[in-house]
């Protein structure tokens, strides 16, 4: 009988010990999982912060709103969430102020019109991050942009080359080529406006002349 009781007590002790080890193992596993989750969260937060820093290379950069208009043509400037938002540009002026533009031509011609030297930014076609236009790889496309310029931009030249490989009619162009095109288009527009004003003045003169003859 004593042997039987002793055996029962020993079994009870072993069972409690096993439970204790199981609980300890479970606690260790939970602790390990918690640590992994915290590490994963920290890494994700770090990644998010890095992404935010990359997308705003200058802390002064801003995002357009639904009411933003182009400084040059006074037309709508599209937000990043819009399909045409990939063509939006912005400039940080010498006084630190921000100006938005709906297309590359307006961004470049603003300097000519106002005799300025600005830090000019465009969006990366893939990521929509802001990139200095001087550092971007520019690709001429047949895509419909707000002012029909059709230029898109890439932070990395490899991305631009991959884009062209998928669209054989597109090509990489230098910034000077775009600047020259912008200048020529601006000069043509100003010339046309001057001709229209001259025609209007001539029409007014003719009208006054006819009125003078009729009174006499």
C-alpha atoms as a PDB file:
ATOM      1  CA  UNK A   1       0.000   0.000   0.000  1.00  0.00           C
ATOM      2  CA  UNK A   2       2.831   2.383   0.918  1.00  0.00           C
ATOM      3  CA  UNK A   3       4.577   1.544  -2.325  1.00  0.00           C
ATOM      4  CA  UNK A   4       1.388   2.339  -4.215  1.00  0.00           C
ATOM      5  CA  UNK A   5       1.007   5.738  -2.505  1.00  0.00           C
ATOM      6  CA  UNK A   6       4.664   6.537  -3.129  1.00  0.00           C
ATOM      7  CA  UNK A   7       4.222   5.718  -6.812  1.00  0.00           C
ATOM      8  CA  UNK A   8       1.146   7.965  -7.042  1.00  0.00           C
ATOM      9  CA  UNK A   9       3.010  10.861  -5.406  1.00  0.00           C
ATOM     10  CA  UNK A  10       5.965  10.442  -7.757  1.00  0.00           C
ATOM     11  CA  UNK A  11       3.654  10.518 -10.778  1.00  0.00           C
ATOM     12  CA  UNK A  12       2.019  13.671  -9.455  1.00  0.00           C
ATOM     13  CA  UNK A  13       5.432  15.347  -9.023  1.00  0.00           C
ATOM     14  CA  UNK A  14       6.503  14.419 -12.566  1.00  0.00           C
ATOM     15  CA  UNK A  15       3.216  15.668 -13.975  1.00  0.00           C
ATOM     16  CA  UNK A  16       3.566  19.056 -12.226  1.00  0.00           C
ATOM     17  CA  UNK A  17       7.170  19.358 -13.399  1.00  0.00           C
ATOM     18  CA  UNK A  18       6.161  18.609 -16.992  1.00  0.00           C
ATOM     19  CA  UNK A  19       3.372  21.209 -16.801  1.00  0.00           C
ATOM     20  CA  UNK A  20       5.848  23.725 -15.448  1.00  0.00           C
ATOM     21  CA  UNK A  21       8.241  23.069 -18.307  1.00  0.00           C
ATOM     22  CA  UNK A  22       5.379  23.321 -20.806  1.00  0.00           C
ATOM     23  CA  UNK A  23       4.251  26.635 -19.321  1.00  0.00           C
ATOM     24  CA  UNK A  24       7.823  27.930 -19.349  1.00  0.00           C
ATOM     25  CA  UNK A  25       8.257  26.813 -22.960  1.00  0.00           C
ATOM     26  CA  UNK A  26       4.961  28.489 -23.881  1.00  0.00           C
ATOM     27  CA  UNK A  27       6.020  31.698 -22.119  1.00  0.00           C
ATOM     28  CA  UNK A  28       9.356  31.648 -23.906  1.00  0.00           C
ATOM     29  CA  UNK A  29       7.611  31.169 -27.262  1.00  0.00           C
ATOM     30  CA  UNK A  30       5.192  34.024 -26.550  1.00  0.00           C
ATOM     31  CA  UNK A  31       8.082  36.246 -25.499  1.00  0.00           C
ATOM     32  CA  UNK A  32       9.967  35.327 -28.656  1.00  0.00           C
ATOM     33  CA  UNK A  33       6.929  36.080 -30.842  1.00  0.00           C
ATOM     34  CA  UNK A  34       6.388  39.412 -29.091  1.00  0.00           C
ATOM     35  CA  UNK A  35      10.018  40.358 -29.640  1.00  0.00           C
ATOM     36  CA  UNK A  36       9.794  39.413 -33.318  1.00  0.00           C
ATOM     37  CA  UNK A  37       6.613  41.462 -33.719  1.00  0.00           C
ATOM     38  CA  UNK A  38       8.226  44.478 -32.055  1.00  0.00           C
ATOM     39  CA  UNK A  39      11.315  44.133 -34.251  1.00  0.00           C
ATOM     40  CA  UNK A  40       9.131  43.820 -37.346  1.00  0.00           C
ATOM     41  CA  UNK A  41       7.159  46.929 -36.326  1.00  0.00           C
ATOM     42  CA  UNK A  42      10.354  48.882 -35.719  1.00  0.00           C
ATOM     43  CA  UNK A  43      11.726  47.830 -39.103  1.00  0.00           C
ATOM     44  CA  UNK A  44       8.460  48.794 -40.812  1.00  0.00           C
ATOM     45  CA  UNK A  45       8.422  52.174 -39.072  1.00  0.00           C
ATOM     46  CA  UNK A  46      12.020  52.709 -40.107  1.00  0.00           C
ATOM     47  CA  UNK A  47      11.155  51.747 -43.673  1.00  0.00           C
ATOM     48  CA  UNK A  48       8.177  54.127 -43.725  1.00  0.00           C
ATOM     49  CA  UNK A  49      10.356  56.950 -42.407  1.00  0.00           C
ATOM     50  CA  UNK A  50      12.995  56.247 -45.032  1.00  0.00           C
ATOM     51  CA  UNK A  51      10.382  56.241 -47.783  1.00  0.00           C
ATOM     52  CA  UNK A  52       9.031  59.583 -46.573  1.00  0.00           C
ATOM     53  CA  UNK A  53      12.518  61.071 -46.608  1.00  0.00           C
ATOM     54  CA  UNK A  54      13.221  59.781 -50.098  1.00  0.00           C
ATOM     55  CA  UNK A  55       9.952  61.164 -51.476  1.00  0.00           C
ATOM     56  CA  UNK A  56      10.770  64.632 -50.069  1.00  0.00           C
ATOM     57  CA  UNK A  57      14.447  65.296 -50.789  1.00  0.00           C
ATOM     58  CA  UNK A  58      13.919  68.867 -49.584  1.00  0.00           C
ATOM     59  CA  UNK A  59      11.725  69.481 -46.497  1.00  0.00           C
ATOM     60  CA  UNK A  60      10.331  72.628 -48.119  1.00  0.00           C
ATOM     61  CA  UNK A  61       8.657  70.625 -50.875  1.00  0.00           C
ATOM     62  CA  UNK A  62       4.870  70.519 -50.738  1.00  0.00           C
ATOM     63  CA  UNK A  63       1.988  68.660 -52.361  1.00  0.00           C
ATOM     64  CA  UNK A  64      -0.633  70.367 -54.522  1.00  0.00           C
ATOM     65  CA  UNK A  65      -4.263  70.371 -53.445  1.00  0.00           C
ATOM     66  CA  UNK A  66      -7.382  70.054 -55.561  1.00  0.00           C
ATOM     67  CA  UNK A  67      -7.490  73.869 -55.813  1.00  0.00           C
ATOM     68  CA  UNK A  68      -3.865  74.362 -56.915  1.00  0.00           C
ATOM     69  CA  UNK A  69      -3.343  76.044 -60.286  1.00  0.00           C
ATOM     70  CA  UNK A  70      -0.270  76.414 -62.491  1.00  0.00           C
ATOM     71  CA  UNK A  71       1.679  79.612 -61.966  1.00  0.00           C
ATOM     72  CA  UNK A  72       2.318  79.962 -65.707  1.00  0.00           C
ATOM     73  CA  UNK A  73      -0.915  78.946 -67.442  1.00  0.00           C
ATOM     74  CA  UNK A  74      -3.359  79.146 -64.510  1.00  0.00           C
ATOM     75  CA  UNK A  75      -4.722  75.690 -65.312  1.00  0.00           C
ATOM     76  CA  UNK A  76      -5.349  72.880 -62.825  1.00  0.00           C
ATOM     77  CA  UNK A  77      -2.321  71.212 -61.223  1.00  0.00           C
ATOM     78  CA  UNK A  78      -3.002  67.521 -60.637  1.00  0.00           C
ATOM     79  CA  UNK A  79      -2.388  65.712 -57.349  1.00  0.00           C
ATOM     80  CA  UNK A  80      -0.273  62.560 -57.094  1.00  0.00           C
ATOM     81  CA  UNK A  81      -3.417  60.412 -56.856  1.00  0.00           C
ATOM     82  CA  UNK A  82      -4.605  61.631 -60.254  1.00  0.00           C
ATOM     83  CA  UNK A  83      -3.522  59.938 -63.479  1.00  0.00           C
ATOM     84  CA  UNK A  84      -2.093  63.244 -64.727  1.00  0.00           C
ATOM     85  CA  UNK A  85      -0.313  63.883 -61.424  1.00  0.00           C
ATOM     86  CA  UNK A  86       2.852  62.216 -62.748  1.00  0.00           C
ATOM     87  CA  UNK A  87       3.399  65.280 -64.967  1.00  0.00           C
ATOM     88  CA  UNK A  88       3.164  67.838 -62.134  1.00  0.00           C
ATOM     89  CA  UNK A  89       6.223  69.923 -61.310  1.00  0.00           C
ATOM     90  CA  UNK A  90       7.114  72.394 -58.603  1.00  0.00           C
ATOM     91  CA  UNK A  91       9.827  74.939 -57.961  1.00  0.00           C
ATOM     92  CA  UNK A  92      11.439  76.274 -54.817  1.00  0.00           C
ATOM     93  CA  UNK A  93      12.215  79.888 -55.575  1.00  0.00           C
ATOM     94  CA  UNK A  94      15.153  81.911 -54.307  1.00  0.00           C
ATOM     95  CA  UNK A  95      12.970  83.456 -51.602  1.00  0.00           C
ATOM     96  CA  UNK A  96      11.916  79.972 -50.440  1.00  0.00           C
ATOM     97  CA  UNK A  97       8.373  80.174 -51.792  1.00  0.00           C
ATOM     98  CA  UNK A  98       6.779  77.270 -53.685  1.00  0.00           C
ATOM     99  CA  UNK A  99       5.178  77.365 -57.121  1.00  0.00           C
ATOM    100  CA  UNK A 100       3.400  74.498 -58.880  1.00  0.00           C
ATOM    101  CA  UNK A 101       3.155  73.726 -62.601  1.00  0.00           C
ATOM    102  CA  UNK A 102       0.934  71.348 -64.521  1.00  0.00           C
ATOM    103  CA  UNK A 103       3.600  70.317 -67.044  1.00  0.00           C
ATOM    104  CA  UNK A 104       7.343  70.525 -67.710  1.00  0.00           C
ATOM    105  CA  UNK A 105       7.060  73.372 -70.235  1.00  0.00           C
ATOM    106  CA  UNK A 106       5.437  75.669 -67.695  1.00  0.00           C
ATOM    107  CA  UNK A 107       8.036  74.708 -65.076  1.00  0.00           C
ATOM    108  CA  UNK A 108      10.925  75.626 -67.384  1.00  0.00           C
ATOM    109  CA  UNK A 109       9.354  78.724 -68.933  1.00  0.00           C
ATOM    110  CA  UNK A 110       8.549  80.222 -65.528  1.00  0.00           C
ATOM    111  CA  UNK A 111      12.244  80.965 -65.125  1.00  0.00           C
ATOM    112  CA  UNK A 112      12.363  82.701 -68.496  1.00  0.00           C
ATOM    113  CA  UNK A 113       9.208  84.691 -67.845  1.00  0.00           C
ATOM    114  CA  UNK A 114      10.245  85.851 -64.375  1.00  0.00           C
ATOM    115  CA  UNK A 115      14.031  85.855 -64.882  1.00  0.00           C
ATOM    116  CA  UNK A 116      14.472  83.362 -62.034  1.00  0.00           C
ATOM    117  CA  UNK A 117      16.825  80.555 -61.068  1.00  0.00           C
ATOM    118  CA  UNK A 118      14.743  77.998 -59.184  1.00  0.00           C
ATOM    119  CA  UNK A 119      15.202  74.511 -57.771  1.00  0.00           C
ATOM    120  CA  UNK A 120      12.953  72.607 -60.148  1.00  0.00           C
ATOM    121  CA  UNK A 121      11.375  69.273 -59.216  1.00  0.00           C
ATOM    122  CA  UNK A 122       9.429  66.690 -61.195  1.00  0.00           C
ATOM    123  CA  UNK A 123       7.879  63.357 -60.221  1.00  0.00           C
ATOM    124  CA  UNK A 124       9.476  59.983 -60.800  1.00  0.00           C
ATOM    125  CA  UNK A 125       7.150  58.189 -63.240  1.00  0.00           C
ATOM    126  CA  UNK A 126       7.093  54.970 -61.207  1.00  0.00           C
ATOM    127  CA  UNK A 127       7.176  56.117 -57.588  1.00  0.00           C
ATOM    128  CA  UNK A 128       5.844  59.712 -57.915  1.00  0.00           C
ATOM    129  CA  UNK A 129       8.716  60.836 -55.659  1.00  0.00           C
ATOM    130  CA  UNK A 130      10.046  64.342 -56.203  1.00  0.00           C
ATOM    131  CA  UNK A 131      13.305  64.454 -58.166  1.00  0.00           C
ATOM    132  CA  UNK A 132      15.433  67.421 -59.200  1.00  0.00           C
ATOM    133  CA  UNK A 133      14.812  67.896 -62.900  1.00  0.00           C
ATOM    134  CA  UNK A 134      18.577  68.331 -63.399  1.00  0.00           C
ATOM    135  CA  UNK A 135      19.150  64.826 -61.978  1.00  0.00           C
ATOM    136  CA  UNK A 136      16.256  63.065 -63.688  1.00  0.00           C
ATOM    137  CA  UNK A 137      16.412  60.913 -66.814  1.00  0.00           C
ATOM    138  CA  UNK A 138      13.876  62.397 -69.231  1.00  0.00           C
ATOM    139  CA  UNK A 139      11.881  60.284 -71.661  1.00  0.00           C
ATOM    140  CA  UNK A 140       9.883  61.680 -74.555  1.00  0.00           C
ATOM    141  CA  UNK A 141       6.598  59.789 -74.978  1.00  0.00           C
ATOM    142  CA  UNK A 142       3.295  60.106 -76.796  1.00  0.00           C
ATOM    143  CA  UNK A 143       1.421  60.107 -73.491  1.00  0.00           C
ATOM    144  CA  UNK A 144      -1.237  62.758 -73.007  1.00  0.00           C
ATOM    145  CA  UNK A 145       0.040  65.344 -70.503  1.00  0.00           C
ATOM    146  CA  UNK A 146      -1.865  68.457 -69.356  1.00  0.00           C
ATOM    147  CA  UNK A 147      -0.145  70.797 -71.860  1.00  0.00           C
ATOM    148  CA  UNK A 148       0.711  68.116 -74.431  1.00  0.00           C
ATOM    149  CA  UNK A 149       4.428  67.955 -73.692  1.00  0.00           C
ATOM    150  CA  UNK A 150       4.513  64.210 -73.116  1.00  0.00           C
ATOM    151  CA  UNK A 151       7.750  64.080 -71.120  1.00  0.00           C
ATOM    152  CA  UNK A 152       8.095  61.716 -68.153  1.00  0.00           C
ATOM    153  CA  UNK A 153      10.924  61.452 -65.644  1.00  0.00           C
ATOM    154  CA  UNK A 154      12.872  58.786 -63.820  1.00  0.00           C
ATOM    155  CA  UNK A 155      15.142  59.001 -60.808  1.00  0.00           C
ATOM    156  CA  UNK A 156      17.135  55.986 -62.037  1.00  0.00           C
ATOM    157  CA  UNK A 157      18.317  55.681 -65.622  1.00  0.00           C
ATOM    158  CA  UNK A 158      17.833  51.886 -65.447  1.00  0.00           C
ATOM    159  CA  UNK A 159      14.100  52.423 -64.910  1.00  0.00           C
ATOM    160  CA  UNK A 160      13.974  54.742 -67.912  1.00  0.00           C
ATOM    161  CA  UNK A 161      15.750  52.209 -70.101  1.00  0.00           C
ATOM    162  CA  UNK A 162      13.356  49.469 -68.982  1.00  0.00           C
ATOM    163  CA  UNK A 163      10.411  51.764 -69.772  1.00  0.00           C
ATOM    164  CA  UNK A 164      11.786  52.411 -73.263  1.00  0.00           C
ATOM    165  CA  UNK A 165      12.387  48.686 -73.825  1.00  0.00           C
ATOM    166  CA  UNK A 166       8.660  48.190 -73.299  1.00  0.00           C
ATOM    167  CA  UNK A 167       7.795  51.198 -75.522  1.00  0.00           C
ATOM    168  CA  UNK A 168      10.125  51.255 -78.512  1.00  0.00           C
ATOM    169  CA  UNK A 169       8.813  54.570 -79.875  1.00  0.00           C
ATOM    170  CA  UNK A 170       9.918  56.440 -76.733  1.00  0.00           C
ATOM    171  CA  UNK A 171      13.408  57.876 -76.292  1.00  0.00           C
ATOM    172  CA  UNK A 172      15.670  59.498 -73.702  1.00  0.00           C
ATOM    173  CA  UNK A 173      16.327  63.202 -74.275  1.00  0.00           C
ATOM    174  CA  UNK A 174      18.596  65.733 -72.610  1.00  0.00           C
ATOM    175  CA  UNK A 175      17.199  68.548 -70.476  1.00  0.00           C
ATOM    176  CA  UNK A 176      18.650  71.145 -72.867  1.00  0.00           C
ATOM    177  CA  UNK A 177      16.455  69.722 -75.638  1.00  0.00           C
ATOM    178  CA  UNK A 178      13.345  70.200 -73.511  1.00  0.00           C
ATOM    179  CA  UNK A 179      14.455  73.704 -72.509  1.00  0.00           C
ATOM    180  CA  UNK A 180      14.941  74.656 -76.161  1.00  0.00           C
ATOM    181  CA  UNK A 181      11.536  73.291 -77.111  1.00  0.00           C
ATOM    182  CA  UNK A 182       9.957  75.163 -74.204  1.00  0.00           C
ATOM    183  CA  UNK A 183      11.677  78.392 -75.250  1.00  0.00           C
ATOM    184  CA  UNK A 184      10.579  78.020 -78.870  1.00  0.00           C
ATOM    185  CA  UNK A 185       6.996  77.259 -77.931  1.00  0.00           C
ATOM    186  CA  UNK A 186       6.930  80.256 -75.610  1.00  0.00           C
ATOM    187  CA  UNK A 187       8.352  82.577 -78.284  1.00  0.00           C
ATOM    188  CA  UNK A 188       5.824  81.288 -80.828  1.00  0.00           C
ATOM    189  CA  UNK A 189       2.990  81.872 -78.348  1.00  0.00           C
ATOM    190  CA  UNK A 190       4.159  85.419 -77.568  1.00  0.00           C
ATOM    191  CA  UNK A 191       4.516  86.172 -81.284  1.00  0.00           C
ATOM    192  CA  UNK A 192       0.983  84.941 -81.946  1.00  0.00           C
ATOM    193  CA  UNK A 193      -0.377  87.024 -79.078  1.00  0.00           C
ATOM    194  CA  UNK A 194       1.428  90.107 -80.405  1.00  0.00           C
ATOM    195  CA  UNK A 195      -0.011  89.517 -83.895  1.00  0.00           C
ATOM    196  CA  UNK A 196      -3.524  89.148 -82.477  1.00  0.00           C
ATOM    197  CA  UNK A 197      -3.125  92.363 -80.499  1.00  0.00           C
ATOM    198  CA  UNK A 198      -1.884  94.151 -83.603  1.00  0.00           C
ATOM    199  CA  UNK A 199      -4.832  92.886 -85.632  1.00  0.00           C
ATOM    200  CA  UNK A 200      -7.197  94.038 -82.906  1.00  0.00           C
ATOM    201  CA  UNK A 201      -5.597  97.472 -82.848  1.00  0.00           C
ATOM    202  CA  UNK A 202      -5.783  97.696 -86.646  1.00  0.00           C
ATOM    203  CA  UNK A 203      -9.431  96.686 -86.476  1.00  0.00           C
ATOM    204  CA  UNK A 204     -10.110  99.382 -83.900  1.00  0.00           C
ATOM    205  CA  UNK A 205      -8.322 101.954 -86.074  1.00  0.00           C
ATOM    206  CA  UNK A 206     -10.344 100.949 -89.134  1.00  0.00           C
ATOM    207  CA  UNK A 207     -13.544 101.141 -87.106  1.00  0.00           C
ATOM    208  CA  UNK A 208     -12.671 104.639 -85.882  1.00  0.00           C
ATOM    209  CA  UNK A 209     -11.763 105.684 -89.410  1.00  0.00           C
ATOM    210  CA  UNK A 210     -15.109 104.503 -90.800  1.00  0.00           C
ATOM    211  CA  UNK A 211     -16.959 106.263 -88.011  1.00  0.00           C
ATOM    212  CA  UNK A 212     -15.075 109.474 -88.816  1.00  0.00           C
ATOM    213  CA  UNK A 213     -15.990 109.251 -92.503  1.00  0.00           C
ATOM    214  CA  UNK A 214     -19.643 108.603 -91.737  1.00  0.00           C
ATOM    215  CA  UNK A 215     -19.862 111.658 -89.489  1.00  0.00           C
ATOM    216  CA  UNK A 216     -18.284 113.874 -92.092  1.00  0.00           C
END
